Amino acid sequence: MPTRPWPAAALAIVAVAAFTVWITWRAKALELDLGVNSTKLALIGKQAPDFHLPALDGRTVSLSDYHGKKLAVVFWASWNNGSHPAMASLGLFYRNNRTADANFDMVAISVGDDRKAVQDFVTQNKVTFPALLDGSEATAKAFQVRTIPAVAVIDANGKVTWGFVGFTQRLTFDLARELGVTNLRGMEFGGPNDGRRN
């Protein structure tokens, strides 16, 4: 005489099947989210979180220091290889296009780095915009940055208007558009040139 499965065994099989369907659905949803939003920042259209971070020169820098002008905030780290070409390209962009009367500025927020590593990188790569230290990663978390490098543009009223995660050769061209730089100098299509002005 065949044995019937116990009710507990049948319930366990149903529970495992339901869990398998649910976990597969969540994995697909996460994969879709990462594919669609992997180059976007979650805070676009929202007020930027304030920050108070130490700069390499010893002063404390906050978002309110830049009220009234556009600010590009670059999240990066010296230990992150993807950050190296982004910082080199953005450093060249800043040196060649940030004039005394410009209505924008830029800061680099180093995520989880120590001061010496940041100082060495900034010196070697001639980064002239302020480098800030976010050793606890609290500011990166407040900006909901999940991957670096990441760039956020904050308008004169403190709202995040544009953001990009990762690095492409078009980053400086897209950033110039968002900052209102109409006569881009010292850059050529496809990446930075040797720093000569065009």
C-alpha atoms as a PDB file:
ATOM      1  CA  MET A   1       0.000   0.000   0.000  1.00  0.00           C
ATOM      2  CA  PRO A   2       1.503   3.356  -1.049  1.00  0.00           C
ATOM      3  CA  THR A   3       2.220   5.828   1.705  1.00  0.00           C
ATOM      4  CA  ARG A   4       0.739   9.289   1.625  1.00  0.00           C
ATOM      5  CA  PRO A   5       2.977  12.273   2.282  1.00  0.00           C
ATOM      6  CA  TRP A   6       2.506  13.781   5.638  1.00  0.00           C
ATOM      7  CA  PRO A   7       0.827  17.170   5.754  1.00  0.00           C
ATOM      8  CA  ALA A   8       3.993  18.720   7.186  1.00  0.00           C
ATOM      9  CA  ALA A   9       6.095  17.422   4.276  1.00  0.00           C
ATOM     10  CA  ALA A  10       3.595  18.734   1.737  1.00  0.00           C
ATOM     11  CA  LEU A  11       3.578  22.110   3.477  1.00  0.00           C
ATOM     12  CA  ALA A  12       7.401  22.196   3.424  1.00  0.00           C
ATOM     13  CA  ILE A  13       7.463  21.470  -0.319  1.00  0.00           C
ATOM     14  CA  VAL A  14       4.966  24.289  -0.951  1.00  0.00           C
ATOM     15  CA  ALA A  15       6.995  26.676   1.239  1.00  0.00           C
ATOM     16  CA  VAL A  16      10.249  25.867  -0.602  1.00  0.00           C
ATOM     17  CA  ALA A  17       8.544  26.328  -3.977  1.00  0.00           C
ATOM     18  CA  ALA A  18       7.047  29.667  -2.896  1.00  0.00           C
ATOM     19  CA  PHE A  19      10.403  30.863  -1.544  1.00  0.00           C
ATOM     20  CA  THR A  20      12.139  29.837  -4.793  1.00  0.00           C
ATOM     21  CA  VAL A  21       9.629  31.830  -6.858  1.00  0.00           C
ATOM     22  CA  TRP A  22       9.950  34.861  -4.549  1.00  0.00           C
ATOM     23  CA  ILE A  23      13.778  34.878  -4.489  1.00  0.00           C
ATOM     24  CA  THR A  24      13.923  34.506  -8.281  1.00  0.00           C
ATOM     25  CA  TRP A  25      11.526  37.436  -8.670  1.00  0.00           C
ATOM     26  CA  ARG A  26      13.597  39.612  -6.267  1.00  0.00           C
ATOM     27  CA  ALA A  27      16.848  38.740  -8.065  1.00  0.00           C
ATOM     28  CA  LYS A  28      15.333  39.675 -11.436  1.00  0.00           C
ATOM     29  CA  ALA A  29      13.971  42.945  -9.990  1.00  0.00           C
ATOM     30  CA  LEU A  30      17.392  43.812  -8.534  1.00  0.00           C
ATOM     31  CA  GLU A  31      19.099  42.953 -11.809  1.00  0.00           C
ATOM     32  CA  LEU A  32      16.665  45.179 -13.696  1.00  0.00           C
ATOM     33  CA  ASP A  33      17.148  48.014 -11.187  1.00  0.00           C
ATOM     34  CA  LEU A  34      20.916  47.831 -11.486  1.00  0.00           C
ATOM     35  CA  GLY A  35      20.717  47.720 -15.274  1.00  0.00           C
ATOM     36  CA  VAL A  36      18.372  50.686 -15.552  1.00  0.00           C
ATOM     37  CA  ASN A  37      19.633  52.803 -12.651  1.00  0.00           C
ATOM     38  CA  SER A  38      23.299  51.871 -12.543  1.00  0.00           C
ATOM     39  CA  THR A  39      24.319  55.232 -13.986  1.00  0.00           C
ATOM     40  CA  LYS A  40      21.768  57.381 -12.110  1.00  0.00           C
ATOM     41  CA  LEU A  41      21.721  58.881  -8.636  1.00  0.00           C
ATOM     42  CA  ALA A  42      18.638  58.397  -6.478  1.00  0.00           C
ATOM     43  CA  LEU A  43      18.598  62.017  -5.240  1.00  0.00           C
ATOM     44  CA  ILE A  44      17.988  63.697  -8.609  1.00  0.00           C
ATOM     45  CA  GLY A  45      15.190  66.230  -8.121  1.00  0.00           C
ATOM     46  CA  LYS A  46      15.643  66.299  -4.323  1.00  0.00           C
ATOM     47  CA  GLN A  47      17.471  68.600  -1.917  1.00  0.00           C
ATOM     48  CA  ALA A  48      21.102  67.635  -1.444  1.00  0.00           C
ATOM     49  CA  PRO A  49      22.051  66.562   2.068  1.00  0.00           C
ATOM     50  CA  ASP A  50      24.273  69.063   3.847  1.00  0.00           C
ATOM     51  CA  PHE A  51      27.787  67.975   4.704  1.00  0.00           C
ATOM     52  CA  HIS A  52      30.615  69.255   6.899  1.00  0.00           C
ATOM     53  CA  LEU A  53      33.843  67.532   5.913  1.00  0.00           C
ATOM     54  CA  PRO A  54      37.533  68.182   6.546  1.00  0.00           C
ATOM     55  CA  ALA A  55      39.528  69.334   3.536  1.00  0.00           C
ATOM     56  CA  LEU A  56      43.181  68.500   2.938  1.00  0.00           C
ATOM     57  CA  ASP A  57      44.123  72.086   3.823  1.00  0.00           C
ATOM     58  CA  GLY A  58      42.649  71.660   7.325  1.00  0.00           C
ATOM     59  CA  ARG A  59      39.471  73.696   6.964  1.00  0.00           C
ATOM     60  CA  THR A  60      35.944  72.292   7.216  1.00  0.00           C
ATOM     61  CA  VAL A  61      33.879  72.570   4.038  1.00  0.00           C
ATOM     62  CA  SER A  62      30.093  72.392   3.878  1.00  0.00           C
ATOM     63  CA  LEU A  63      27.470  72.503   1.162  1.00  0.00           C
ATOM     64  CA  SER A  64      26.290  75.902   2.398  1.00  0.00           C
ATOM     65  CA  ASP A  65      29.705  77.353   1.448  1.00  0.00           C
ATOM     66  CA  TYR A  66      28.585  77.062  -2.191  1.00  0.00           C
ATOM     67  CA  HIS A  67      25.057  78.452  -1.894  1.00  0.00           C
ATOM     68  CA  GLY A  68      24.190  80.605  -4.903  1.00  0.00           C
ATOM     69  CA  LYS A  69      26.259  78.697  -7.461  1.00  0.00           C
ATOM     70  CA  LYS A  70      26.207  75.284  -9.064  1.00  0.00           C
ATOM     71  CA  LEU A  71      28.376  72.662  -7.420  1.00  0.00           C
ATOM     72  CA  ALA A  72      29.665  69.395  -8.883  1.00  0.00           C
ATOM     73  CA  VAL A  73      30.312  66.851  -6.124  1.00  0.00           C
ATOM     74  CA  VAL A  74      32.578  63.968  -7.132  1.00  0.00           C
ATOM     75  CA  PHE A  75      32.570  60.826  -4.972  1.00  0.00           C
ATOM     76  CA  TRP A  76      35.730  58.807  -5.482  1.00  0.00           C
ATOM     77  CA  ALA A  77      38.527  56.922  -3.695  1.00  0.00           C
ATOM     78  CA  SER A  78      42.230  56.501  -4.315  1.00  0.00           C
ATOM     79  CA  TRP A  79      41.851  52.722  -3.858  1.00  0.00           C
ATOM     80  CA  ASN A  80      39.153  52.537  -6.580  1.00  0.00           C
ATOM     81  CA  ASN A  81      40.720  52.058 -10.032  1.00  0.00           C
ATOM     82  CA  GLY A  82      37.603  53.387 -11.775  1.00  0.00           C
ATOM     83  CA  SER A  83      38.047  56.685  -9.947  1.00  0.00           C
ATOM     84  CA  HIS A  84      41.501  57.348 -11.410  1.00  0.00           C
ATOM     85  CA  PRO A  85      40.508  58.252 -15.004  1.00  0.00           C
ATOM     86  CA  ALA A  86      37.443  60.150 -13.763  1.00  0.00           C
ATOM     87  CA  MET A  87      39.491  62.301 -11.378  1.00  0.00           C
ATOM     88  CA  ALA A  88      42.220  62.921 -13.972  1.00  0.00           C
ATOM     89  CA  SER A  89      39.634  63.996 -16.552  1.00  0.00           C
ATOM     90  CA  LEU A  90      37.655  66.138 -14.097  1.00  0.00           C
ATOM     91  CA  GLY A  91      40.862  67.726 -12.784  1.00  0.00           C
ATOM     92  CA  LEU A  92      41.801  68.770 -16.322  1.00  0.00           C
ATOM     93  CA  PHE A  93      38.261  70.023 -16.951  1.00  0.00           C
ATOM     94  CA  TYR A  94      38.398  72.164 -13.786  1.00  0.00           C
ATOM     95  CA  ARG A  95      41.862  73.608 -14.449  1.00  0.00           C
ATOM     96  CA  ASN A  96      40.925  74.623 -17.996  1.00  0.00           C
ATOM     97  CA  ASN A  97      37.345  75.795 -17.506  1.00  0.00           C
ATOM     98  CA  ARG A  98      36.907  77.145 -13.959  1.00  0.00           C
ATOM     99  CA  THR A  99      37.545  80.892 -14.204  1.00  0.00           C
ATOM    100  CA  ALA A 100      37.321  83.482 -11.439  1.00  0.00           C
ATOM    101  CA  ASP A 101      33.908  84.629 -12.674  1.00  0.00           C
ATOM    102  CA  ALA A 102      32.501  81.110 -13.197  1.00  0.00           C
ATOM    103  CA  ASN A 103      29.131  80.367 -11.626  1.00  0.00           C
ATOM    104  CA  PHE A 104      30.109  76.829 -10.636  1.00  0.00           C
ATOM    105  CA  ASP A 105      32.566  75.026  -8.433  1.00  0.00           C
ATOM    106  CA  MET A 106      33.608  71.456  -7.747  1.00  0.00           C
ATOM    107  CA  VAL A 107      34.609  69.348  -4.741  1.00  0.00           C
ATOM    108  CA  ALA A 108      35.932  65.794  -4.549  1.00  0.00           C
ATOM    109  CA  ILE A 109      34.690  63.703  -1.629  1.00  0.00           C
ATOM    110  CA  SER A 110      37.010  60.798  -0.952  1.00  0.00           C
ATOM    111  CA  VAL A 111      35.079  57.793   0.351  1.00  0.00           C
ATOM    112  CA  GLY A 112      36.761  55.617   2.990  1.00  0.00           C
ATOM    113  CA  ASP A 113      40.263  56.898   2.257  1.00  0.00           C
ATOM    114  CA  ASP A 114      43.042  58.051   4.549  1.00  0.00           C
ATOM    115  CA  ARG A 115      44.475  61.561   4.314  1.00  0.00           C
ATOM    116  CA  LYS A 116      47.902  60.522   2.972  1.00  0.00           C
ATOM    117  CA  ALA A 117      46.471  58.438   0.118  1.00  0.00           C
ATOM    118  CA  VAL A 118      44.181  61.310  -0.909  1.00  0.00           C
ATOM    119  CA  GLN A 119      47.007  63.885  -0.653  1.00  0.00           C
ATOM    120  CA  ASP A 120      49.346  61.729  -2.745  1.00  0.00           C
ATOM    121  CA  PHE A 121      46.715  61.185  -5.441  1.00  0.00           C
ATOM    122  CA  VAL A 122      45.684  64.861  -5.581  1.00  0.00           C
ATOM    123  CA  THR A 123      49.317  65.988  -5.828  1.00  0.00           C
ATOM    124  CA  GLN A 124      50.311  63.450  -8.486  1.00  0.00           C
ATOM    125  CA  ASN A 125      47.236  64.167 -10.625  1.00  0.00           C
ATOM    126  CA  LYS A 126      47.258  67.963 -10.182  1.00  0.00           C
ATOM    127  CA  VAL A 127      43.688  68.070  -8.851  1.00  0.00           C
ATOM    128  CA  THR A 128      43.127  71.722  -7.969  1.00  0.00           C
ATOM    129  CA  PHE A 129      39.564  71.633  -6.653  1.00  0.00           C
ATOM    130  CA  PRO A 130      39.040  70.917  -2.928  1.00  0.00           C
ATOM    131  CA  ALA A 131      39.463  67.316  -1.811  1.00  0.00           C
ATOM    132  CA  LEU A 132      37.331  66.422   1.207  1.00  0.00           C
ATOM    133  CA  LEU A 133      37.632  63.368   3.458  1.00  0.00           C
ATOM    134  CA  ASP A 134      34.598  61.157   4.123  1.00  0.00           C
ATOM    135  CA  GLY A 135      36.362  58.459   6.126  1.00  0.00           C
ATOM    136  CA  SER A 136      33.163  57.250   7.798  1.00  0.00           C
ATOM    137  CA  GLU A 137      31.350  57.260   4.424  1.00  0.00           C
ATOM    138  CA  ALA A 138      28.423  59.100   6.075  1.00  0.00           C
ATOM    139  CA  THR A 139      28.180  61.716   3.314  1.00  0.00           C
ATOM    140  CA  ALA A 140      28.298  59.087   0.550  1.00  0.00           C
ATOM    141  CA  LYS A 141      25.497  57.215   2.339  1.00  0.00           C
ATOM    142  CA  ALA A 142      23.467  60.424   2.730  1.00  0.00           C
ATOM    143  CA  PHE A 143      23.768  60.986  -1.037  1.00  0.00           C
ATOM    144  CA  GLN A 144      22.778  57.312  -1.561  1.00  0.00           C
ATOM    145  CA  VAL A 145      25.948  56.628  -3.532  1.00  0.00           C
ATOM    146  CA  ARG A 146      26.242  52.879  -4.062  1.00  0.00           C
ATOM    147  CA  THR A 147      29.099  52.878  -6.585  1.00  0.00           C
ATOM    148  CA  ILE A 148      32.061  55.161  -7.229  1.00  0.00           C
ATOM    149  CA  PRO A 149      33.045  57.219  -9.039  1.00  0.00           C
ATOM    150  CA  ALA A 150      29.823  59.198  -8.944  1.00  0.00           C
ATOM    151  CA  VAL A 151      29.134  62.839  -9.795  1.00  0.00           C
ATOM    152  CA  ALA A 152      26.189  64.942  -8.609  1.00  0.00           C
ATOM    153  CA  VAL A 153      25.388  68.465  -9.773  1.00  0.00           C
ATOM    154  CA  ILE A 154      23.662  70.646  -7.187  1.00  0.00           C
ATOM    155  CA  ASP A 155      21.979  73.856  -8.301  1.00  0.00           C
ATOM    156  CA  ALA A 156      22.232  77.278  -6.645  1.00  0.00           C
ATOM    157  CA  ASN A 157      19.321  76.404  -4.333  1.00  0.00           C
ATOM    158  CA  GLY A 158      20.758  73.111  -3.119  1.00  0.00           C
ATOM    159  CA  LYS A 159      18.761  70.720  -5.324  1.00  0.00           C
ATOM    160  CA  VAL A 160      20.413  67.756  -7.086  1.00  0.00           C
ATOM    161  CA  THR A 161      19.706  68.341 -10.787  1.00  0.00           C
ATOM    162  CA  TRP A 162      21.951  65.764 -12.459  1.00  0.00           C
ATOM    163  CA  GLY A 163      24.067  62.792 -11.560  1.00  0.00           C
ATOM    164  CA  PHE A 164      26.127  60.077 -13.136  1.00  0.00           C
ATOM    165  CA  VAL A 165      27.724  56.913 -11.773  1.00  0.00           C
ATOM    166  CA  GLY A 166      30.845  55.466 -13.360  1.00  0.00           C
ATOM    167  CA  PHE A 167      33.151  56.931 -15.967  1.00  0.00           C
ATOM    168  CA  THR A 168      32.802  57.368 -19.695  1.00  0.00           C
ATOM    169  CA  GLN A 169      34.777  59.528 -22.100  1.00  0.00           C
ATOM    170  CA  ARG A 170      31.697  61.787 -22.358  1.00  0.00           C
ATOM    171  CA  LEU A 171      31.571  62.593 -18.632  1.00  0.00           C
ATOM    172  CA  THR A 172      33.291  65.981 -18.894  1.00  0.00           C
ATOM    173  CA  PHE A 173      31.145  66.987 -21.886  1.00  0.00           C
ATOM    174  CA  ASP A 174      27.935  66.059 -20.066  1.00  0.00           C
ATOM    175  CA  LEU A 175      29.146  67.800 -16.910  1.00  0.00           C
ATOM    176  CA  ALA A 176      30.022  70.949 -18.889  1.00  0.00           C
ATOM    177  CA  ARG A 177      26.476  71.019 -20.274  1.00  0.00           C
ATOM    178  CA  GLU A 178      24.971  70.633 -16.780  1.00  0.00           C
ATOM    179  CA  LEU A 179      27.216  73.348 -15.321  1.00  0.00           C
ATOM    180  CA  GLY A 180      26.504  75.772 -18.163  1.00  0.00           C
ATOM    181  CA  VAL A 181      30.039  75.747 -19.592  1.00  0.00           C
ATOM    182  CA  THR A 182      29.427  76.634 -23.227  1.00  0.00           C
ATOM    183  CA  ASN A 183      32.985  77.085 -24.460  1.00  0.00           C
ATOM    184  CA  LEU A 184      34.705  73.913 -23.267  1.00  0.00           C
ATOM    185  CA  ARG A 185      38.479  74.423 -23.233  1.00  0.00           C
ATOM    186  CA  GLY A 186      41.349  71.982 -22.979  1.00  0.00           C
ATOM    187  CA  MET A 187      39.316  68.918 -23.917  1.00  0.00           C
ATOM    188  CA  GLU A 188      38.934  66.968 -27.121  1.00  0.00           C
ATOM    189  CA  PHE A 189      36.202  64.508 -28.038  1.00  0.00           C
ATOM    190  CA  GLY A 190      36.988  61.091 -26.652  1.00  0.00           C
ATOM    191  CA  GLY A 191      38.865  62.309 -23.592  1.00  0.00           C
ATOM    192  CA  PRO A 192      41.278  64.862 -22.231  1.00  0.00           C
ATOM    193  CA  ASN A 193      44.140  66.098 -24.341  1.00  0.00           C
ATOM    194  CA  ASP A 194      47.492  67.170 -22.971  1.00  0.00           C
ATOM    195  CA  GLY A 195      46.050  70.279 -21.307  1.00  0.00           C
ATOM    196  CA  ARG A 196      46.585  72.756 -24.117  1.00  0.00           C
ATOM    197  CA  ARG A 197      43.718  75.168 -24.594  1.00  0.00           C
ATOM    198  CA  ASN A 198      41.760  74.815 -27.814  1.00  0.00           C
END
